[in-house]
Amino acid sequence: MGKLGKTAWELGRNFLNGKLNPQTSTYTKTLYRVGKEIDEKFETALNEMVNHVRQRDKETIKATLDTMFEDGLYSWDIIAMAYVFIRKCAQRSREQGKDKDTIEQLALFVGEYVEDRCTL
């Protein structure tokens, strides 16, 4: 994993854990703000996507993310949407009593995915 991947993973980890503090990066704070707007605007669609995913089914998660990027345009909005989708998957994991490792795996997965998409 390169520098971009590490940054994307750390961003995912902070975003999925839902903790803001004075040391929180500007990237994470921005993602929280934009993510909230995205979640409010696309809540129904995001919930439907999450309902089609089993938590440890990386292929379905990847296929869902692929649909977000299928037009080949990798805007910050689409990247933020990917993080919001993964956060919703993580929230469902918490609600179902899944272990912390599942959430960490989702953070790593979205970090690697974003790195792959942004370096094409």
N, C-alpha and C. Protein backbone atom coordinates (compact mmCIF):
# COMPACT_ATOMS: atom_id res chain seq x y z
N MET A 1 0.86 -1.18 0.00
CA MET A 1 0.00 0.00 0.00
C MET A 1 0.90 1.23 0.00
N GLY A 2 0.63 2.13 -0.94
CA GLY A 2 1.42 3.35 -1.05
C GLY A 2 0.94 4.44 -0.11
N LYS A 3 1.53 5.62 -0.27
CA LYS A 3 1.17 6.76 0.59
C LYS A 3 -0.30 7.12 0.45
N LEU A 4 -0.80 7.13 -0.79
CA LEU A 4 -2.21 7.43 -1.03
C LEU A 4 -3.09 6.40 -0.33
N GLY A 5 -2.72 5.13 -0.44
CA GLY A 5 -3.49 4.07 0.20
C GLY A 5 -3.51 4.20 1.71
N LYS A 6 -2.38 4.54 2.30
CA LYS A 6 -2.32 4.72 3.76
C LYS A 6 -3.19 5.88 4.19
N THR A 7 -3.14 6.97 3.44
CA THR A 7 -3.98 8.12 3.75
C THR A 7 -5.45 7.75 3.60
N ALA A 8 -5.79 7.04 2.52
CA ALA A 8 -7.18 6.63 2.28
C ALA A 8 -7.65 5.67 3.37
N TRP A 9 -6.78 4.77 3.83
CA TRP A 9 -7.13 3.83 4.89
C TRP A 9 -7.34 4.57 6.22
N GLU A 10 -6.41 5.47 6.56
CA GLU A 10 -6.55 6.23 7.80
C GLU A 10 -7.82 7.08 7.78
N LEU A 11 -8.10 7.67 6.63
CA LEU A 11 -9.32 8.45 6.48
C LEU A 11 -10.54 7.56 6.70
N GLY A 12 -10.52 6.38 6.09
CA GLY A 12 -11.62 5.44 6.27
C GLY A 12 -11.77 5.02 7.72
N ARG A 13 -10.65 4.71 8.36
CA ARG A 13 -10.69 4.28 9.76
C ARG A 13 -11.28 5.36 10.66
N ASN A 14 -10.81 6.59 10.50
CA ASN A 14 -11.34 7.69 11.30
C ASN A 14 -12.80 7.95 10.99
N PHE A 15 -13.16 7.91 9.72
CA PHE A 15 -14.53 8.18 9.30
C PHE A 15 -15.47 7.09 9.80
N LEU A 16 -15.06 5.82 9.69
CA LEU A 16 -15.92 4.72 10.12
C LEU A 16 -16.07 4.67 11.63
N ASN A 17 -15.05 5.06 12.36
CA ASN A 17 -15.14 5.05 13.82
C ASN A 17 -15.94 6.22 14.36
N GLY A 18 -16.14 7.24 13.55
CA GLY A 18 -17.01 8.35 13.93
C GLY A 18 -16.51 9.22 15.05
N LYS A 19 -15.21 9.36 15.15
CA LYS A 19 -14.65 10.16 16.25
C LYS A 19 -13.94 11.39 15.70
N LEU A 20 -14.37 12.54 16.17
CA LEU A 20 -13.70 13.79 15.84
C LEU A 20 -13.08 14.34 17.11
N ASN A 21 -11.88 14.85 17.00
CA ASN A 21 -11.21 15.49 18.13
C ASN A 21 -10.28 16.56 17.56
N PRO A 22 -9.62 17.32 18.43
CA PRO A 22 -8.76 18.40 17.91
C PRO A 22 -7.66 17.92 16.96
N GLN A 23 -7.25 16.66 17.07
CA GLN A 23 -6.20 16.14 16.19
C GLN A 23 -6.75 15.57 14.88
N THR A 24 -8.05 15.56 14.73
CA THR A 24 -8.65 15.01 13.51
C THR A 24 -8.18 15.81 12.30
N SER A 25 -7.79 15.09 11.26
CA SER A 25 -7.27 15.76 10.06
C SER A 25 -8.35 16.58 9.36
N THR A 26 -7.89 17.55 8.62
CA THR A 26 -8.79 18.38 7.82
C THR A 26 -9.55 17.52 6.82
N TYR A 27 -8.87 16.50 6.27
CA TYR A 27 -9.53 15.59 5.32
C TYR A 27 -10.73 14.91 5.96
N THR A 28 -10.53 14.40 7.18
CA THR A 28 -11.61 13.70 7.87
C THR A 28 -12.75 14.65 8.20
N LYS A 29 -12.42 15.84 8.67
CA LYS A 29 -13.46 16.83 8.99
C LYS A 29 -14.26 17.18 7.74
N THR A 30 -13.57 17.35 6.62
CA THR A 30 -14.26 17.66 5.37
C THR A 30 -15.14 16.49 4.94
N LEU A 31 -14.62 15.27 5.08
CA LEU A 31 -15.40 14.10 4.71
C LEU A 31 -16.65 13.98 5.58
N TYR A 32 -16.54 14.30 6.86
CA TYR A 32 -17.72 14.29 7.73
C TYR A 32 -18.78 15.25 7.22
N ARG A 33 -18.36 16.47 6.88
CA ARG A 33 -19.31 17.48 6.42
C ARG A 33 -19.96 17.06 5.10
N VAL A 34 -19.13 16.69 4.14
CA VAL A 34 -19.63 16.28 2.83
C VAL A 34 -20.43 14.98 2.95
N GLY A 35 -19.93 14.06 3.77
CA GLY A 35 -20.61 12.78 3.97
C GLY A 35 -22.01 12.95 4.54
N LYS A 36 -22.16 13.90 5.46
CA LYS A 36 -23.48 14.16 6.03
C LYS A 36 -24.44 14.65 4.95
N GLU A 37 -23.95 15.55 4.10
CA GLU A 37 -24.78 16.05 3.00
C GLU A 37 -25.17 14.92 2.04
N ILE A 38 -24.21 14.08 1.71
CA ILE A 38 -24.48 12.95 0.82
C ILE A 38 -25.47 12.00 1.45
N ASP A 39 -25.27 11.69 2.72
CA ASP A 39 -26.15 10.76 3.41
C ASP A 39 -27.58 11.28 3.44
N GLU A 40 -27.74 12.58 3.69
CA GLU A 40 -29.08 13.17 3.72
C GLU A 40 -29.73 13.14 2.33
N LYS A 41 -28.95 13.44 1.32
CA LYS A 41 -29.49 13.54 -0.04
C LYS A 41 -29.79 12.17 -0.66
N PHE A 42 -28.94 11.18 -0.35
CA PHE A 42 -29.06 9.87 -0.99
C PHE A 42 -29.35 8.74 0.00
N GLU A 43 -29.96 9.07 1.13
CA GLU A 43 -30.18 8.09 2.19
C GLU A 43 -30.89 6.83 1.70
N THR A 44 -31.97 6.99 0.98
CA THR A 44 -32.75 5.83 0.52
C THR A 44 -31.92 4.94 -0.40
N ALA A 45 -31.25 5.53 -1.37
CA ALA A 45 -30.43 4.75 -2.30
C ALA A 45 -29.29 4.05 -1.57
N LEU A 46 -28.63 4.76 -0.65
CA LEU A 46 -27.53 4.15 0.10
C LEU A 46 -28.02 2.99 0.96
N ASN A 47 -29.16 3.18 1.61
CA ASN A 47 -29.71 2.10 2.43
C ASN A 47 -30.06 0.87 1.60
N GLU A 48 -30.58 1.10 0.40
CA GLU A 48 -30.89 -0.03 -0.49
C GLU A 48 -29.62 -0.76 -0.89
N MET A 49 -28.55 -0.01 -1.17
CA MET A 49 -27.27 -0.65 -1.52
C MET A 49 -26.75 -1.47 -0.35
N VAL A 50 -26.82 -0.93 0.85
CA VAL A 50 -26.33 -1.64 2.04
C VAL A 50 -27.15 -2.89 2.28
N ASN A 51 -28.44 -2.83 2.03
CA ASN A 51 -29.31 -3.99 2.25
C ASN A 51 -28.97 -5.16 1.34
N HIS A 52 -28.30 -4.89 0.22
CA HIS A 52 -27.92 -5.95 -0.71
C HIS A 52 -26.59 -6.59 -0.39
N VAL A 53 -25.92 -6.09 0.64
CA VAL A 53 -24.57 -6.53 0.96
C VAL A 53 -24.55 -7.32 2.26
N ARG A 54 -23.89 -8.48 2.21
CA ARG A 54 -23.55 -9.18 3.45
C ARG A 54 -22.21 -8.63 3.88
N GLN A 55 -22.02 -8.45 5.17
CA GLN A 55 -20.87 -7.71 5.68
C GLN A 55 -19.51 -8.21 5.22
N ARG A 56 -19.29 -9.48 5.14
CA ARG A 56 -17.97 -9.98 4.77
C ARG A 56 -17.88 -10.36 3.29
N ASP A 57 -18.86 -9.96 2.53
CA ASP A 57 -18.90 -10.29 1.11
C ASP A 57 -18.21 -9.18 0.31
N LYS A 58 -16.89 -9.27 0.22
CA LYS A 58 -16.12 -8.21 -0.44
C LYS A 58 -16.46 -8.07 -1.91
N GLU A 59 -16.83 -9.17 -2.55
CA GLU A 59 -17.15 -9.09 -3.98
C GLU A 59 -18.40 -8.24 -4.22
N THR A 60 -19.42 -8.40 -3.38
CA THR A 60 -20.63 -7.59 -3.53
C THR A 60 -20.35 -6.13 -3.19
N ILE A 61 -19.55 -5.91 -2.14
CA ILE A 61 -19.17 -4.53 -1.79
C ILE A 61 -18.40 -3.91 -2.95
N LYS A 62 -17.45 -4.64 -3.50
CA LYS A 62 -16.66 -4.13 -4.62
C LYS A 62 -17.55 -3.85 -5.83
N ALA A 63 -18.47 -4.77 -6.13
CA ALA A 63 -19.37 -4.57 -7.26
C ALA A 63 -20.23 -3.32 -7.06
N THR A 64 -20.67 -3.10 -5.83
CA THR A 64 -21.47 -1.91 -5.53
C THR A 64 -20.63 -0.65 -5.72
N LEU A 65 -19.41 -0.67 -5.21
CA LEU A 65 -18.51 0.48 -5.40
C LEU A 65 -18.21 0.69 -6.88
N ASP A 66 -18.02 -0.40 -7.62
CA ASP A 66 -17.73 -0.29 -9.06
C ASP A 66 -18.84 0.45 -9.79
N THR A 67 -20.10 0.24 -9.38
CA THR A 67 -21.20 0.94 -10.05
C THR A 67 -21.11 2.45 -9.83
N MET A 68 -20.56 2.85 -8.68
CA MET A 68 -20.41 4.29 -8.42
C MET A 68 -19.38 4.93 -9.35
N PHE A 69 -18.39 4.14 -9.75
CA PHE A 69 -17.29 4.65 -10.56
C PHE A 69 -17.39 4.23 -12.03
N GLU A 70 -18.52 3.64 -12.44
CA GLU A 70 -18.60 3.04 -13.77
C GLU A 70 -18.48 4.02 -14.92
N ASP A 71 -18.77 5.29 -14.69
CA ASP A 71 -18.64 6.25 -15.79
C ASP A 71 -17.21 6.70 -16.03
N GLY A 72 -16.29 6.25 -15.17
CA GLY A 72 -14.88 6.58 -15.34
C GLY A 72 -14.46 7.93 -14.79
N LEU A 73 -15.41 8.67 -14.23
CA LEU A 73 -15.09 9.96 -13.63
C LEU A 73 -14.91 9.78 -12.13
N TYR A 74 -13.75 10.15 -11.64
CA TYR A 74 -13.43 9.93 -10.24
C TYR A 74 -13.41 11.26 -9.49
N SER A 75 -14.58 11.81 -9.28
CA SER A 75 -14.69 13.09 -8.59
C SER A 75 -14.65 12.87 -7.08
N TRP A 76 -14.40 13.94 -6.35
CA TRP A 76 -14.39 13.85 -4.89
C TRP A 76 -15.76 13.45 -4.37
N ASP A 77 -16.82 13.86 -5.05
CA ASP A 77 -18.17 13.47 -4.63
C ASP A 77 -18.35 11.96 -4.65
N ILE A 78 -17.86 11.33 -5.71
CA ILE A 78 -17.97 9.88 -5.83
C ILE A 78 -17.11 9.18 -4.78
N ILE A 79 -15.92 9.71 -4.56
CA ILE A 79 -15.06 9.12 -3.53
C ILE A 79 -15.72 9.26 -2.16
N ALA A 80 -16.29 10.42 -1.88
CA ALA A 80 -16.99 10.61 -0.60
C ALA A 80 -18.18 9.66 -0.50
N MET A 81 -18.90 9.46 -1.60
CA MET A 81 -20.03 8.53 -1.62
C MET A 81 -19.56 7.12 -1.27
N ALA A 82 -18.40 6.72 -1.76
CA ALA A 82 -17.86 5.40 -1.44
C ALA A 82 -17.62 5.27 0.06
N TYR A 83 -17.05 6.30 0.67
CA TYR A 83 -16.81 6.27 2.11
C TYR A 83 -18.12 6.23 2.90
N VAL A 84 -19.11 6.99 2.44
CA VAL A 84 -20.41 6.99 3.14
C VAL A 84 -21.05 5.60 3.04
N PHE A 85 -20.98 4.99 1.87
CA PHE A 85 -21.52 3.64 1.70
C PHE A 85 -20.83 2.66 2.66
N ILE A 86 -19.51 2.71 2.72
CA ILE A 86 -18.77 1.81 3.61
C ILE A 86 -19.10 2.11 5.06
N ARG A 87 -19.27 3.39 5.39
CA ARG A 87 -19.64 3.73 6.78
C ARG A 87 -21.00 3.14 7.12
N LYS A 88 -21.93 3.18 6.19
CA LYS A 88 -23.25 2.58 6.44
C LYS A 88 -23.12 1.07 6.62
N CYS A 89 -22.25 0.43 5.86
CA CYS A 89 -22.00 -1.00 6.07
C CYS A 89 -21.42 -1.24 7.46
N ALA A 90 -20.50 -0.37 7.89
CA ALA A 90 -19.90 -0.50 9.22
C ALA A 90 -20.93 -0.28 10.32
N GLN A 91 -21.82 0.69 10.12
CA GLN A 91 -22.88 0.93 11.11
C GLN A 91 -23.77 -0.29 11.24
N ARG A 92 -24.08 -0.92 10.12
CA ARG A 92 -24.90 -2.13 10.19
C ARG A 92 -24.15 -3.24 10.91
N SER A 93 -22.85 -3.32 10.69
CA SER A 93 -22.04 -4.32 11.40
C SER A 93 -22.12 -4.11 12.91
N ARG A 94 -22.00 -2.85 13.32
CA ARG A 94 -22.09 -2.55 14.76
C ARG A 94 -23.46 -2.94 15.30
N GLU A 95 -24.51 -2.60 14.56
CA GLU A 95 -25.88 -2.93 15.00
C GLU A 95 -26.07 -4.43 15.13
N GLN A 96 -25.38 -5.19 14.29
CA GLN A 96 -25.49 -6.65 14.33
C GLN A 96 -24.50 -7.28 15.30
N GLY A 97 -23.77 -6.43 16.03
CA GLY A 97 -22.84 -6.93 17.03
C GLY A 97 -21.56 -7.52 16.47
N LYS A 98 -21.20 -7.14 15.25
CA LYS A 98 -19.97 -7.66 14.65
C LYS A 98 -18.77 -7.09 15.40
N ASP A 99 -17.67 -7.82 15.32
CA ASP A 99 -16.47 -7.39 16.04
C ASP A 99 -15.80 -6.19 15.39
N LYS A 100 -14.91 -5.57 16.14
CA LYS A 100 -14.19 -4.39 15.66
C LYS A 100 -13.34 -4.71 14.44
N ASP A 101 -12.89 -5.96 14.33
CA ASP A 101 -12.07 -6.36 13.17
C ASP A 101 -12.83 -6.19 11.86
N THR A 102 -14.13 -6.43 11.87
CA THR A 102 -14.93 -6.26 10.66
C THR A 102 -14.88 -4.81 10.20
N ILE A 103 -15.01 -3.89 11.13
CA ILE A 103 -14.97 -2.47 10.79
C ILE A 103 -13.59 -2.08 10.30
N GLU A 104 -12.55 -2.61 10.94
CA GLU A 104 -11.18 -2.34 10.50
C GLU A 104 -10.96 -2.90 9.09
N GLN A 105 -11.52 -4.07 8.80
CA GLN A 105 -11.40 -4.66 7.47
C GLN A 105 -12.10 -3.80 6.42
N LEU A 106 -13.26 -3.24 6.79
CA LEU A 106 -13.96 -2.35 5.87
C LEU A 106 -13.15 -1.08 5.61
N ALA A 107 -12.51 -0.54 6.65
CA ALA A 107 -11.68 0.66 6.48
C ALA A 107 -10.50 0.36 5.56
N LEU A 108 -9.87 -0.78 5.76
CA LEU A 108 -8.75 -1.18 4.90
C LEU A 108 -9.23 -1.40 3.47
N PHE A 109 -10.37 -2.04 3.32
CA PHE A 109 -10.93 -2.32 2.00
C PHE A 109 -11.20 -1.02 1.24
N VAL A 110 -11.87 -0.06 1.88
CA VAL A 110 -12.19 1.19 1.18
C VAL A 110 -10.91 1.98 0.89
N GLY A 111 -9.93 1.92 1.78
CA GLY A 111 -8.66 2.59 1.52
C GLY A 111 -7.96 2.04 0.30
N GLU A 112 -7.90 0.71 0.21
CA GLU A 112 -7.27 0.07 -0.95
C GLU A 112 -8.07 0.34 -2.22
N TYR A 113 -9.38 0.31 -2.11
CA TYR A 113 -10.23 0.54 -3.27
C TYR A 113 -10.03 1.96 -3.81
N VAL A 114 -10.06 2.94 -2.91
CA VAL A 114 -9.88 4.33 -3.33
C VAL A 114 -8.48 4.53 -3.92
N GLU A 115 -7.48 3.91 -3.31
CA GLU A 115 -6.13 4.02 -3.86
C GLU A 115 -6.09 3.47 -5.28
N ASP A 116 -6.69 2.31 -5.50
CA ASP A 116 -6.72 1.71 -6.84
C ASP A 116 -7.42 2.62 -7.84
N ARG A 117 -8.55 3.18 -7.46
CA ARG A 117 -9.32 4.02 -8.37
C ARG A 117 -8.61 5.33 -8.67
N CYS A 118 -7.93 5.88 -7.69
CA CYS A 118 -7.29 7.19 -7.88
C CYS A 118 -5.95 7.11 -8.57
N THR A 119 -5.43 5.90 -8.75
CA THR A 119 -4.14 5.76 -9.41
C THR A 119 -4.26 5.09 -10.77
N LEU A 120 -5.47 4.99 -11.29
CA LEU A 120 -5.66 4.39 -12.62
C LEU A 120 -5.11 5.29 -13.70
